[in-house]
Amino acid sequence: MAELMAIYCHTRPIGALSQSERCVSEYQMTARSIITHLLEGWANQTDGQGTIDDLLLAPRNLRTPAVPSTRRAVYLPLGERRLAS
């Protein structure tokens, strides 16, 4: 869990930082590798039964933030996404 929390803390600013440089293919390749590692860990946590869907898409009534946030989530239409303050 310590490594997972470190990933969480380290990746929080990625949304803002990704606005300053454009490396689409490198970003996609690296993000896929990270997600693969997370999925391997999820499989270990669930005795091989976990899938990407149940990792990321829990039923709405079961969704709780993994780490309490001090900010309220802001969901904007796809064309209007920007860093929320």
Protein backbone atom coordinates (compact mmCIF):
# COMPACT_ATOMS: atom_id res chain seq x y z
CA MET A 1 0.00 0.00 0.00
CA ALA A 2 2.91 2.36 0.63
CA GLU A 3 4.00 2.13 -3.00
CA LEU A 4 0.43 2.65 -4.20
CA MET A 5 0.08 5.75 -2.01
CA ALA A 6 3.40 7.04 -3.36
CA ILE A 7 2.09 6.65 -6.91
CA TYR A 8 -1.09 8.49 -5.96
CA CYS A 9 0.82 11.40 -4.40
CA HIS A 10 3.34 11.61 -7.20
CA THR A 11 0.78 11.56 -10.02
CA ARG A 12 -1.65 14.14 -8.63
CA PRO A 13 -0.10 17.04 -10.65
CA ILE A 14 0.01 15.13 -13.96
CA GLY A 15 -3.11 16.87 -15.30
CA ALA A 16 -1.55 20.30 -14.90
CA LEU A 17 1.94 19.26 -15.93
CA SER A 18 0.70 17.60 -19.12
CA GLN A 19 -0.52 20.97 -20.37
CA SER A 20 3.06 22.22 -20.73
CA GLU A 21 4.36 19.55 -23.12
CA ARG A 22 2.91 17.36 -25.83
CA CYS A 23 4.19 13.78 -26.03
CA VAL A 24 1.08 11.81 -26.98
CA SER A 25 2.62 8.47 -27.94
CA GLU A 26 5.13 8.46 -25.05
CA TYR A 27 2.39 9.44 -22.59
CA GLN A 28 0.12 6.66 -23.84
CA MET A 29 2.87 4.02 -23.77
CA THR A 30 3.96 4.95 -20.24
CA ALA A 31 0.38 5.25 -18.92
CA ARG A 32 -0.45 1.80 -20.31
CA SER A 33 2.60 0.34 -18.58
CA ILE A 34 1.60 1.91 -15.28
CA ILE A 35 -1.97 0.66 -15.63
CA THR A 36 -0.66 -2.83 -16.43
CA HIS A 37 1.34 -2.82 -13.18
CA LEU A 38 -1.69 -1.63 -11.23
CA LEU A 39 -3.82 -4.33 -12.81
CA GLU A 40 -1.25 -6.99 -11.86
CA GLY A 41 -1.45 -5.77 -8.26
CA TRP A 42 -5.26 -5.83 -8.42
CA ALA A 43 -5.16 -9.42 -9.67
CA ASN A 44 -2.98 -10.32 -6.68
CA GLN A 45 -5.37 -8.55 -4.29
CA THR A 46 -8.35 -10.45 -5.71
CA ASP A 47 -6.76 -13.91 -6.08
CA GLY A 48 -6.70 -13.50 -9.85
CA GLN A 49 -10.40 -12.64 -10.09
CA GLY A 50 -10.04 -8.86 -10.47
CA THR A 51 -10.56 -7.19 -13.82
CA ILE A 52 -9.88 -3.69 -15.10
CA ASP A 53 -13.64 -3.08 -15.04
CA ASP A 54 -14.17 -3.92 -11.39
CA LEU A 55 -11.00 -2.02 -10.47
CA LEU A 56 -12.06 1.18 -12.19
CA LEU A 57 -15.82 0.92 -12.59
CA ALA A 58 -17.26 -0.03 -9.21
CA PRO A 59 -21.04 0.23 -8.99
CA ARG A 60 -22.05 3.83 -8.26
CA ASN A 61 -23.52 2.99 -4.83
CA LEU A 62 -20.20 1.43 -3.75
CA ARG A 63 -17.92 4.24 -4.94
CA THR A 64 -15.92 5.89 -2.23
CA PRO A 65 -12.76 7.91 -2.69
CA ALA A 66 -9.63 5.85 -2.04
CA VAL A 67 -8.04 8.87 -0.40
CA PRO A 68 -10.18 11.66 1.03
CA SER A 69 -9.91 14.74 -1.12
CA THR A 70 -9.90 18.30 0.12
CA ARG A 71 -11.42 19.48 -3.17
CA ARG A 72 -14.75 18.74 -4.77
CA ALA A 73 -14.46 16.96 -8.13
CA VAL A 74 -15.32 19.07 -11.17
CA TYR A 75 -16.65 17.31 -14.23
CA LEU A 76 -16.69 19.36 -17.42
CA PRO A 77 -17.77 18.45 -20.94
CA LEU A 78 -14.92 16.90 -22.91
CA GLY A 79 -14.16 20.09 -24.89
CA GLU A 80 -14.01 22.26 -21.75
CA ARG A 81 -11.56 20.32 -19.59
CA ARG A 82 -9.00 22.39 -17.76
CA LEU A 83 -7.35 22.43 -14.35
CA ALA A 84 -9.95 23.15 -11.69
CA SER A 85 -8.80 25.35 -8.83
